[in-house]
Amino acid sequence: MSSLPSSSFPSAPVDVCVVGAGPTGLLLAGDLAAAGVRVVLLEKRVRESNLTRAFAVHARSLEMFDARGLAEKLLDTGLFLSSARLFGGARIDLSRLPSRFPGVLMTPQYEVERVLEERALALGAEFRRGCEVTGLRQDADGVDVDVREEDGAARRLRAAYVVGADGVRSAVRQALGMPFPGKSVLRSVMLADVRLATEPAEVPVAESGAAGFAFLVPFGDGWYRVIAWERGSDLPSDAPVDMENLRSVVHALFGTDYGMGDARWTSRFHSDERQVPRYREGRVFLAGDAAHVHSPAGGMGMNAGLQDSANLGWKLAAVLQGRAGETLLDSYHAERHPVGQMVLRVSHGIIRAALLGSPLARRLRDTAARAATVMPFATARGTGLVSGIGIDYPAPPGAHPMTGRRAPDLPLAETSDGPTRLYEALRAGTHVRVLPRGAKAEPEPGVTTVTRADALPLTLLVRPDGYVAEAVEDTGSSGRPGPGLLRASDAV
């Protein structure tokens, strides 16, 4: 991503300063720019890093890319899988997910960043690379951000709001003095991107045993990601990965190392489980790994960060443009903090199952995994949480059951030049009112109105992040929900 020269560093206040140009920050910057908000994105790195720990893009995130017209472009970068093999030969079927994308996309994180970066720049987001945040102070009207540029020059940026999307070592979180409680759960995990002489019969494939655990996943271009942990290993994160050691762990678990070649890059890391107590501190917000970190089990980390941004972006735009009150921003923590807790619980359960040392415990785990995969309710619940499809937000007492739920990609009545399904309509970046067939409604500012193709007498107001703000049945001849519907959505 290109950056602007230091001489162009903003001297006037901006609307939002996003710190961190990973997937979380890039999606947020693009959404804000699309809404007409002046957003500046600061990134400490001078050049893109080839370190790419994340690789799984789940169904709900693909729906978010679809709502931005980016899904097909991202799908072209990797391998879409509709099932995965778990421990003990159990296989989980993702093809039944109620989504346009019933599966998971395996693609390196840098491909996700490239797609989001191109969009953010095209929409007018301002990007400055080589800018390290060294402190911040906020008052009733905005936030002053202290920045040190690559050449050592000190700068100060004034913004109405700041979002720290700058990862586990977040400078924004540290400047706030925000605690990051939790613990380390896994040390010395090896990562490598390799080519294999022999392809596994099933992919992705995971196994654990006395030697540790390993996970192999293809990217679809001949390269495989290998994640492996050797039981008893306690090397520091900066220790180099010994390829012979990696091969031996894989061979011990799978009975073969698949003819693993040399790696194009390797890394070693330790994994923590941590979450901040508050996602909002005044005019400063935390998102992605700056707010919550956990083990890579389940591949939910990058996806949780993307959903943080999708939730926060439209709310910031609405407040900045006077379409909603400041209290709307409190709903970001109220909705996303419980999701972060859930992700920590689920990933913790998966990694603990992988780390079991007793042979008897592993046999019981494998038996339970195989039994769960043939139980439709258990499978739907598990895949719904991991994929993000089954995540709901709190709804007011007495609200329609659809309120707070993810909106399905409804087919829409055909028009000469309009969208044919809901997620195409969401590309406008506004709330979308979905009317029953034959109903009429007066135009409203900031709301895109469409008509559903089916015969259900249900009117929906769908938020820009794809969640139902309100649902009303039997709307009558006007086809219009009760008054104050947009205000109701702002409170959700």
Protein backbone atom coordinates (compact mmCIF):
# COMPACT_ATOMS: atom_id res chain seq x y z
CA MET A 1 0.00 0.00 0.00
CA SER A 2 1.35 3.40 -0.87
CA SER A 3 1.60 6.14 1.74
CA LEU A 4 1.59 9.91 1.57
CA PRO A 5 4.70 12.02 2.27
CA SER A 6 5.27 13.45 5.75
CA SER A 7 4.66 16.96 4.46
CA SER A 8 1.03 16.00 3.90
CA PHE A 9 0.50 14.82 7.49
CA PRO A 10 -2.92 16.16 8.47
CA SER A 11 -2.73 19.50 10.23
CA ALA A 12 -6.51 19.84 10.57
CA PRO A 13 -8.61 17.45 12.67
CA VAL A 14 -9.90 14.30 10.97
CA ASP A 15 -13.01 12.30 11.75
CA VAL A 16 -11.45 8.95 12.63
CA CYS A 17 -7.88 7.77 13.10
CA VAL A 18 -7.53 4.00 12.68
CA VAL A 19 -4.28 2.55 14.03
CA GLY A 20 -3.14 -0.69 12.43
CA ALA A 21 -3.39 -1.84 8.81
CA GLY A 22 -4.25 -5.48 9.30
CA PRO A 23 -7.59 -6.88 8.10
CA THR A 24 -9.48 -5.28 11.01
CA GLY A 25 -8.16 -1.77 10.39
CA LEU A 26 -8.39 -2.00 6.61
CA LEU A 27 -12.04 -3.10 6.61
CA LEU A 28 -12.96 -0.32 9.03
CA ALA A 29 -11.08 2.34 7.06
CA GLY A 30 -12.79 1.26 3.85
CA ASP A 31 -16.25 1.29 5.44
CA LEU A 32 -15.73 4.76 6.91
CA ALA A 33 -14.39 6.14 3.65
CA ALA A 34 -17.34 4.61 1.77
CA ALA A 35 -19.68 6.47 4.14
CA GLY A 36 -17.98 9.79 3.40
CA VAL A 37 -16.06 9.94 6.69
CA ARG A 38 -12.52 11.34 6.61
CA VAL A 39 -10.39 8.52 7.95
CA VAL A 40 -6.62 8.32 8.38
CA LEU A 41 -5.00 4.90 8.74
CA LEU A 42 -1.66 4.76 10.57
CA GLU A 43 0.63 1.74 10.24
CA LYS A 44 3.93 1.23 12.04
CA ARG A 45 5.30 -1.12 9.37
CA VAL A 46 7.12 0.55 6.50
CA ARG A 47 6.58 -2.42 4.21
CA GLU A 48 4.07 -5.22 4.11
CA SER A 49 5.10 -8.23 6.18
CA ASN A 50 5.13 -11.72 4.69
CA LEU A 51 4.19 -13.08 8.10
CA THR A 52 0.73 -14.52 7.57
CA ARG A 53 -0.49 -16.51 10.52
CA ALA A 54 -4.20 -16.25 9.71
CA PHE A 55 -5.55 -18.18 6.74
CA ALA A 56 -9.23 -19.08 7.33
CA VAL A 57 -12.05 -16.83 6.13
CA HIS A 58 -15.31 -18.19 7.50
CA ALA A 59 -18.79 -17.98 6.00
CA ARG A 60 -19.94 -14.91 7.92
CA SER A 61 -16.86 -12.96 6.90
CA LEU A 62 -17.38 -13.99 3.28
CA GLU A 63 -20.91 -12.60 3.58
CA MET A 64 -19.41 -9.32 4.76
CA PHE A 65 -17.10 -9.30 1.75
CA ASP A 66 -20.13 -10.04 -0.43
CA ALA A 67 -21.96 -7.04 1.06
CA ARG A 68 -19.01 -4.95 -0.16
CA GLY A 69 -18.78 -6.52 -3.60
CA LEU A 70 -15.49 -8.26 -2.75
CA ALA A 71 -16.38 -11.92 -2.20
CA GLU A 72 -15.63 -13.18 -5.69
CA LYS A 73 -12.29 -11.37 -5.78
CA LEU A 74 -11.26 -12.94 -2.48
CA LEU A 75 -12.52 -16.42 -3.42
CA ASP A 76 -10.18 -16.34 -6.41
CA THR A 77 -7.16 -16.14 -4.09
CA GLY A 78 -7.52 -19.45 -2.26
CA LEU A 79 -9.25 -22.79 -1.84
CA PHE A 80 -12.87 -23.05 -0.68
CA LEU A 81 -13.53 -26.14 1.43
CA SER A 82 -16.93 -27.51 2.46
CA SER A 83 -15.66 -29.94 5.11
CA ALA A 84 -12.74 -30.53 7.44
CA ARG A 85 -11.30 -33.60 9.14
CA LEU A 86 -11.03 -33.42 12.92
CA PHE A 87 -9.15 -35.55 15.40
CA GLY A 88 -9.67 -39.29 15.27
CA GLY A 89 -11.01 -39.25 11.72
CA ALA A 90 -14.19 -37.30 12.54
CA ARG A 91 -15.27 -35.05 9.69
CA ILE A 92 -17.30 -31.89 10.06
CA ASP A 93 -19.64 -30.97 7.23
CA LEU A 94 -19.86 -27.25 6.47
CA SER A 95 -21.94 -27.63 3.33
CA ARG A 96 -25.15 -27.38 5.37
CA LEU A 97 -24.42 -23.87 6.63
CA PRO A 98 -27.40 -21.64 5.73
CA SER A 99 -25.26 -19.26 3.73
CA ARG A 100 -24.32 -18.40 0.18
CA PHE A 101 -20.84 -19.54 1.28
CA PRO A 102 -21.29 -22.91 3.00
CA GLY A 103 -17.69 -23.61 3.89
CA VAL A 104 -14.41 -21.90 4.69
CA LEU A 105 -11.93 -20.17 2.39
CA MET A 106 -8.28 -21.02 2.90
CA THR A 107 -6.16 -18.08 1.77
CA PRO A 108 -3.15 -16.29 3.27
CA GLN A 109 -3.91 -13.22 5.36
CA TYR A 110 -1.91 -11.03 2.99
CA GLU A 111 -4.48 -11.75 0.27
CA VAL A 112 -7.27 -10.55 2.57
CA GLU A 113 -5.25 -7.42 3.30
CA ARG A 114 -4.56 -6.79 -0.39
CA VAL A 115 -8.25 -6.93 -1.31
CA LEU A 116 -9.26 -4.66 1.57
CA GLU A 117 -6.36 -2.29 0.96
CA GLU A 118 -7.30 -1.76 -2.68
CA ARG A 119 -10.87 -0.97 -1.65
CA ALA A 120 -9.89 1.43 1.12
CA LEU A 121 -7.57 3.40 -1.14
CA ALA A 122 -10.08 3.51 -3.98
CA LEU A 123 -12.69 4.94 -1.61
CA GLY A 124 -10.37 7.69 -0.41
CA ALA A 125 -9.00 6.45 2.91
CA GLU A 126 -5.74 8.24 3.77
CA PHE A 127 -2.88 5.92 4.62
CA ARG A 128 0.42 6.69 6.31
CA ARG A 129 3.00 3.97 6.71
CA GLY A 130 6.01 4.14 9.04
CA CYS A 131 3.94 5.96 11.69
CA GLU A 132 4.21 4.65 15.24
CA VAL A 133 1.72 5.80 17.84
CA THR A 134 3.55 6.81 21.02
CA GLY A 135 0.70 8.23 23.10
CA LEU A 136 -2.73 9.79 23.10
CA ARG A 137 -4.89 12.11 25.18
CA GLN A 138 -8.60 12.69 24.85
CA ASP A 139 -11.00 15.39 25.91
CA ALA A 140 -14.69 16.06 25.42
CA ASP A 141 -14.25 17.02 21.76
CA GLY A 142 -11.61 14.68 20.38
CA VAL A 143 -8.34 12.79 20.73
CA ASP A 144 -4.75 13.97 20.23
CA VAL A 145 -2.57 11.16 18.89
CA ASP A 146 1.22 11.41 19.21
CA VAL A 147 3.00 9.86 16.24
CA ARG A 148 6.66 9.18 15.49
CA GLU A 149 7.47 8.82 11.80
CA GLU A 150 10.12 6.58 10.29
CA ASP A 151 12.67 9.41 10.20
CA GLY A 152 12.09 10.15 13.89
CA ALA A 153 9.94 13.22 13.30
CA ALA A 154 7.29 13.75 15.96
CA ARG A 155 3.78 14.56 14.77
CA ARG A 156 0.42 15.10 16.37
CA LEU A 157 -2.90 14.10 14.84
CA ARG A 158 -6.25 15.35 16.08
CA ALA A 159 -9.26 13.08 15.50
CA ALA A 160 -12.84 12.99 16.69
CA TYR A 161 -12.45 9.26 17.37
CA VAL A 162 -9.58 6.76 17.44
CA VAL A 163 -9.77 3.01 16.84
CA GLY A 164 -6.90 0.79 17.95
CA ALA A 165 -6.72 -2.13 15.55
CA ASP A 166 -2.99 -2.53 16.13
CA GLY A 167 -2.78 -6.08 17.37
CA VAL A 168 -1.85 -7.92 20.52
CA ARG A 169 0.84 -5.39 21.49
CA SER A 170 -1.52 -2.49 20.81
CA ALA A 171 0.06 0.92 21.40
CA VAL A 172 -3.43 2.39 21.65
CA ARG A 173 -4.43 -0.02 24.40
CA GLN A 174 -1.20 0.68 26.27
CA ALA A 175 -1.68 4.44 25.93
CA LEU A 176 -5.12 4.04 27.50
CA GLY A 177 -3.62 2.09 30.38
CA MET A 178 -6.19 -0.59 29.61
CA PRO A 179 -5.55 -3.96 31.31
CA PHE A 180 -5.39 -7.05 29.12
CA PRO A 181 -6.14 -9.87 31.56
CA GLY A 182 -5.61 -13.49 30.63
CA LYS A 183 -2.88 -16.08 30.39
CA SER A 184 -0.54 -17.87 28.03
CA VAL A 185 -1.97 -21.22 26.93
CA LEU A 186 0.44 -22.54 24.32
CA ARG A 187 4.15 -21.97 23.69
CA SER A 188 6.51 -22.63 20.82
CA VAL A 189 4.02 -23.40 18.04
CA MET A 190 5.75 -23.85 14.67
CA LEU A 191 4.37 -22.39 11.45
CA ALA A 192 5.61 -23.02 7.92
CA ASP A 193 4.43 -22.69 4.34
CA VAL A 194 5.74 -25.67 2.38
CA ARG A 195 5.24 -27.77 -0.71
CA LEU A 196 4.47 -31.47 -0.32
CA ALA A 197 5.62 -34.26 -2.61
CA THR A 198 2.54 -36.30 -1.65
CA GLU A 199 -0.83 -34.68 -1.11
CA PRO A 200 -2.86 -35.77 1.93
CA ALA A 201 -5.89 -37.87 1.05
CA GLU A 202 -8.12 -35.41 2.92
CA VAL A 203 -7.64 -31.71 3.57
CA PRO A 204 -7.53 -29.90 5.82
CA VAL A 205 -6.33 -32.53 8.24
CA ALA A 206 -5.56 -32.35 11.96
CA GLU A 207 -4.16 -34.90 14.38
CA SER A 208 -2.84 -35.00 17.91
CA GLY A 209 -1.01 -37.66 19.88
CA ALA A 210 1.91 -38.30 22.18
CA ALA A 211 4.20 -36.20 19.96
CA GLY A 212 1.95 -33.13 20.07
CA PHE A 213 -0.44 -31.93 17.38
CA ALA A 214 -0.30 -30.82 13.75
CA PHE A 215 -2.62 -29.24 11.23
CA LEU A 216 -2.16 -29.13 7.45
CA VAL A 217 -4.21 -26.96 5.11
CA PRO A 218 -3.78 -26.25 1.39
CA PHE A 219 -3.96 -22.77 -0.10
CA GLY A 220 -4.90 -24.15 -3.52
CA ASP A 221 -1.74 -22.94 -5.27
CA GLY A 222 0.56 -25.83 -4.36
CA TRP A 223 1.54 -24.40 -0.98
CA TYR A 224 0.44 -25.86 2.35
CA ARG A 225 0.31 -24.25 5.75
CA VAL A 226 1.67 -26.49 8.48
CA ILE A 227 0.99 -25.71 12.14
CA ALA A 228 2.71 -28.04 14.60
CA TRP A 229 3.40 -28.19 18.30
CA GLU A 230 5.84 -30.62 19.88
CA ARG A 231 4.88 -31.80 23.33
CA GLY A 232 7.47 -30.64 25.87
CA SER A 233 8.97 -27.97 23.61
CA ASP A 234 9.46 -24.60 25.30
CA LEU A 235 11.61 -22.65 22.86
CA PRO A 236 11.15 -18.87 22.76
CA SER A 237 9.09 -17.29 20.02
CA ASP A 238 12.17 -15.89 18.27
CA ALA A 239 13.84 -19.31 18.02
CA PRO A 240 14.18 -20.45 14.38
CA VAL A 241 12.06 -23.33 13.15
CA ASP A 242 14.15 -26.46 12.49
CA MET A 243 12.59 -28.09 9.42
CA GLU A 244 13.83 -31.55 10.42
CA ASN A 245 12.13 -31.10 13.78
CA LEU A 246 8.93 -30.02 12.03
CA ARG A 247 9.05 -33.02 9.71
CA SER A 248 9.57 -35.39 12.62
CA VAL A 249 6.53 -34.07 14.49
CA VAL A 250 4.35 -34.36 11.38
CA HIS A 251 5.66 -37.87 10.66
CA ALA A 252 5.01 -39.01 14.23
CA LEU A 253 1.38 -37.89 14.03
CA PHE A 254 0.43 -38.83 10.45
CA GLY A 255 2.87 -41.65 9.74
CA THR A 256 4.43 -39.58 6.94
CA ASP A 257 5.83 -36.12 6.41
CA TYR A 258 4.27 -36.09 2.90
CA GLY A 259 7.68 -35.35 1.37
CA MET A 260 7.72 -31.90 2.94
CA GLY A 261 10.09 -29.55 1.13
CA ASP A 262 11.83 -26.46 2.37
CA ALA A 263 9.64 -23.63 3.58
CA ARG A 264 9.18 -20.26 1.87
CA TRP A 265 8.88 -18.81 5.38
CA THR A 266 8.65 -20.04 8.93
CA SER A 267 7.66 -18.60 12.27
CA ARG A 268 7.24 -19.63 15.86
CA PHE A 269 4.76 -18.11 18.28
CA HIS A 270 3.12 -18.51 21.64
CA SER A 271 -0.61 -18.15 22.11
CA ASP A 272 -2.44 -16.19 24.81
CA GLU A 273 -6.08 -15.99 25.85
CA ARG A 274 -6.82 -12.38 26.77
CA GLN A 275 -9.62 -9.83 26.49
CA VAL A 276 -9.91 -6.20 27.53
CA PRO A 277 -12.70 -5.38 29.99
CA ARG A 278 -14.02 -2.54 27.79
CA TYR A 279 -14.00 -2.10 24.02
CA ARG A 280 -14.70 1.62 24.40
CA GLU A 281 -12.94 4.22 26.52
CA GLY A 282 -14.50 7.59 25.77
CA ARG A 283 -13.64 8.45 22.19
CA VAL A 284 -11.23 5.54 21.77
CA PHE A 285 -12.21 2.02 20.69
CA LEU A 286 -10.33 -1.27 20.50
CA ALA A 287 -10.94 -3.92 17.84
CA GLY A 288 -9.48 -7.20 16.68
CA ASP A 289 -6.39 -8.55 18.45
CA ALA A 290 -6.02 -5.27 20.34
CA ALA A 291 -9.22 -6.22 22.18
CA HIS A 292 -9.12 -10.03 22.26
CA VAL A 293 -6.58 -12.76 21.50
CA HIS A 294 -6.84 -16.52 21.71
CA SER A 295 -5.37 -19.70 20.27
CA PRO A 296 -5.57 -20.25 16.50
CA ALA A 297 -7.88 -23.24 17.06
CA GLY A 298 -10.97 -22.83 14.92
CA GLY A 299 -9.42 -20.07 12.81
CA MET A 300 -11.71 -17.45 14.34
CA GLY A 301 -9.27 -14.64 15.19
CA MET A 302 -9.13 -12.67 11.94
CA ASN A 303 -12.84 -13.24 11.42
CA ALA A 304 -13.74 -11.86 14.86
CA GLY A 305 -11.73 -8.73 14.07
CA LEU A 306 -13.45 -8.26 10.73
CA GLN A 307 -16.83 -8.51 12.44
CA ASP A 308 -15.73 -5.98 15.07
CA SER A 309 -15.05 -3.51 12.27
CA ALA A 310 -18.29 -4.24 10.43
CA ASN A 311 -20.18 -3.56 13.67
CA LEU A 312 -18.34 -0.34 14.58
CA GLY A 313 -17.95 1.34 11.20
CA TRP A 314 -21.56 2.19 10.42
CA LYS A 315 -22.15 3.37 13.98
CA LEU A 316 -19.24 5.81 13.89
CA ALA A 317 -20.45 7.15 10.53
CA ALA A 318 -24.02 7.59 11.82
CA VAL A 319 -22.85 9.54 14.88
CA LEU A 320 -20.35 11.70 13.00
CA GLN A 321 -22.98 12.60 10.40
CA GLY A 322 -25.63 13.44 12.96
CA ARG A 323 -27.94 10.54 12.13
CA ALA A 324 -27.67 8.97 15.58
CA GLY A 325 -26.82 9.97 19.12
CA GLU A 326 -23.54 9.30 20.89
CA THR A 327 -25.11 6.48 22.92
CA LEU A 328 -25.24 4.34 19.79
CA LEU A 329 -21.49 3.84 20.16
CA ASP A 330 -22.00 2.10 23.51
CA SER A 331 -23.69 -0.75 21.63
CA TYR A 332 -20.34 -1.68 20.07
CA HIS A 333 -19.06 -3.00 23.40
CA ALA A 334 -22.47 -4.39 24.37
CA GLU A 335 -22.66 -6.47 21.18
CA ARG A 336 -19.06 -7.41 20.47
CA HIS A 337 -17.60 -8.05 23.95
CA PRO A 338 -19.85 -11.13 24.52
CA VAL A 339 -18.84 -12.42 21.09
CA GLY A 340 -15.17 -12.06 22.07
CA GLN A 341 -15.87 -14.06 25.22
CA MET A 342 -17.54 -16.77 23.16
CA VAL A 343 -14.61 -16.98 20.76
CA LEU A 344 -12.21 -17.39 23.69
CA ARG A 345 -14.37 -20.19 25.14
CA VAL A 346 -14.70 -22.08 21.86
CA SER A 347 -11.04 -21.79 20.85
CA HIS A 348 -10.03 -22.74 24.41
CA GLY A 349 -12.12 -25.90 24.21
CA ILE A 350 -10.65 -26.89 20.85
CA ILE A 351 -7.05 -26.32 21.87
CA ARG A 352 -7.49 -28.14 25.18
CA ALA A 353 -8.84 -31.12 23.26
CA ALA A 354 -5.78 -31.00 21.01
CA LEU A 355 -3.38 -30.87 23.96
CA LEU A 356 -4.70 -33.96 25.77
CA GLY A 357 -1.74 -36.04 26.89
CA SER A 358 -3.40 -39.23 28.09
CA PRO A 359 -4.03 -41.89 25.41
CA LEU A 360 -7.33 -42.78 27.11
CA ALA A 361 -8.42 -39.12 27.14
CA ARG A 362 -7.59 -38.84 23.44
CA ARG A 363 -9.61 -41.97 22.62
CA LEU A 364 -12.60 -40.61 24.52
CA ARG A 365 -12.21 -37.26 22.73
CA ASP A 366 -12.11 -38.95 19.32
CA THR A 367 -15.19 -41.02 20.12
CA ALA A 368 -17.08 -37.95 21.29
CA ALA A 369 -16.03 -36.00 18.17
CA ARG A 370 -17.28 -38.74 15.84
CA ALA A 371 -20.57 -38.95 17.75
CA ALA A 372 -21.09 -35.18 17.66
CA THR A 373 -20.62 -34.99 13.90
CA VAL A 374 -23.63 -37.24 13.32
CA MET A 375 -25.90 -35.21 15.63
CA PRO A 376 -27.51 -32.48 13.49
CA PHE A 377 -28.22 -30.09 16.37
CA ALA A 378 -24.71 -30.32 17.80
CA THR A 379 -23.13 -29.92 14.38
CA ALA A 380 -25.32 -26.93 13.47
CA ARG A 381 -24.60 -25.25 16.80
CA GLY A 382 -20.85 -25.76 16.56
CA THR A 383 -20.48 -24.77 12.93
CA GLY A 384 -22.77 -21.79 13.46
CA LEU A 385 -20.56 -20.37 16.19
CA VAL A 386 -17.21 -21.05 14.50
CA SER A 387 -18.39 -19.77 11.10
CA GLY A 388 -20.11 -16.73 12.64
CA ILE A 389 -23.42 -17.59 11.00
CA GLY A 390 -25.01 -18.46 14.34
CA ILE A 391 -23.93 -15.34 16.25
CA ASP A 392 -26.79 -13.07 17.35
CA TYR A 393 -26.91 -9.73 19.15
CA PRO A 394 -29.16 -8.88 22.12
CA ALA A 395 -32.67 -7.70 21.28
CA PRO A 396 -35.06 -5.56 23.37
CA PRO A 397 -37.68 -7.43 25.45
CA GLY A 398 -40.72 -8.31 23.37
CA ALA A 399 -38.94 -7.81 20.06
CA HIS A 400 -39.68 -10.04 17.08
CA PRO A 401 -37.52 -13.21 17.13
CA MET A 402 -35.62 -12.01 14.05
CA THR A 403 -34.39 -8.88 15.81
CA GLY A 404 -30.66 -9.00 16.49
CA ARG A 405 -30.13 -11.99 14.22
CA ARG A 406 -28.00 -12.15 11.12
CA ALA A 407 -30.17 -11.44 8.09
CA PRO A 408 -30.22 -14.24 5.51
CA ASP A 409 -29.43 -13.35 1.91
CA LEU A 410 -33.06 -13.04 0.83
CA PRO A 411 -33.96 -13.07 -2.87
CA LEU A 412 -35.54 -9.79 -3.92
CA ALA A 413 -38.25 -9.00 -6.45
CA GLU A 414 -36.70 -8.42 -9.84
CA THR A 415 -36.46 -4.89 -11.16
CA SER A 416 -34.84 -3.51 -14.27
CA ASP A 417 -31.65 -2.34 -12.57
CA GLY A 418 -31.99 -3.10 -8.84
CA PRO A 419 -30.33 -5.70 -6.62
CA THR A 420 -31.56 -9.28 -6.88
CA ARG A 421 -30.73 -10.30 -3.31
CA LEU A 422 -30.30 -8.63 0.06
CA TYR A 423 -26.51 -8.65 0.24
CA GLU A 424 -26.32 -6.86 -3.08
CA ALA A 425 -28.63 -4.20 -1.62
CA LEU A 426 -26.32 -3.89 1.40
CA ARG A 427 -23.55 -2.71 -0.92
CA ALA A 428 -25.14 0.74 -0.72
CA GLY A 429 -23.75 0.91 2.84
CA THR A 430 -27.10 1.99 4.29
CA HIS A 431 -29.88 0.43 6.32
CA VAL A 432 -32.03 -1.69 4.01
CA ARG A 433 -35.79 -1.91 4.44
CA VAL A 434 -37.14 -5.18 3.03
CA LEU A 435 -40.87 -4.94 2.28
CA PRO A 436 -43.37 -7.74 1.59
CA ARG A 437 -44.45 -8.23 -2.01
CA GLY A 438 -46.87 -5.56 -3.15
CA ALA A 439 -46.18 -3.23 -0.22
CA LYS A 440 -45.24 0.39 -0.69
CA ALA A 441 -43.21 2.77 1.46
CA GLU A 442 -42.19 6.39 1.26
CA PRO A 443 -38.49 7.07 0.62
CA GLU A 444 -36.41 7.69 3.73
CA PRO A 445 -33.00 9.35 3.99
CA GLY A 446 -30.24 6.84 4.60
CA VAL A 447 -32.45 3.83 3.92
CA THR A 448 -32.49 1.64 0.80
CA THR A 449 -35.93 0.12 0.19
CA VAL A 450 -36.34 -3.22 -1.59
CA THR A 451 -39.08 -5.83 -1.94
CA ARG A 452 -38.71 -9.48 -1.02
CA ALA A 453 -39.43 -12.09 -3.67
CA ASP A 454 -41.20 -14.56 -1.40
CA ALA A 455 -44.73 -14.24 -0.04
CA LEU A 456 -43.90 -13.77 3.66
CA PRO A 457 -45.73 -10.77 5.19
CA LEU A 458 -42.61 -9.73 7.12
CA THR A 459 -40.95 -6.33 6.91
CA LEU A 460 -37.31 -6.14 7.98
CA LEU A 461 -35.00 -3.25 8.65
CA VAL A 462 -31.47 -4.56 8.14
CA ARG A 463 -28.48 -2.70 9.50
CA PRO A 464 -25.46 -2.00 7.28
CA ASP A 465 -23.60 -4.85 9.00
CA GLY A 466 -26.26 -7.35 7.95
CA TYR A 467 -28.10 -7.75 11.27
CA VAL A 468 -31.84 -7.26 11.68
CA ALA A 469 -32.62 -4.03 13.52
CA GLU A 470 -36.35 -4.67 13.64
CA ALA A 471 -38.90 -7.05 12.16
CA VAL A 472 -42.62 -6.37 11.81
CA GLU A 473 -45.26 -8.84 10.64
CA ASP A 474 -48.64 -8.03 9.07
CA THR A 475 -47.75 -4.48 8.10
CA GLY A 476 -51.10 -3.74 6.50
CA SER A 477 -51.79 -1.91 3.31
CA SER A 478 -49.05 0.69 3.69
CA GLY A 479 -46.31 -1.88 3.99
CA ARG A 480 -44.62 0.51 6.41
CA PRO A 481 -43.49 -0.49 9.90
CA GLY A 482 -44.41 1.57 12.91
CA PRO A 483 -42.89 5.00 13.51
CA GLY A 484 -39.41 5.37 14.92
CA LEU A 485 -38.04 2.24 13.27
CA LEU A 486 -34.70 3.79 12.40
CA ARG A 487 -34.33 5.07 15.93
CA ALA A 488 -35.08 1.58 17.16
CA SER A 489 -32.28 0.23 14.97
CA ASP A 490 -29.86 2.75 16.43
CA ALA A 491 -30.49 1.29 19.87
CA VAL A 492 -29.80 -2.28 18.74
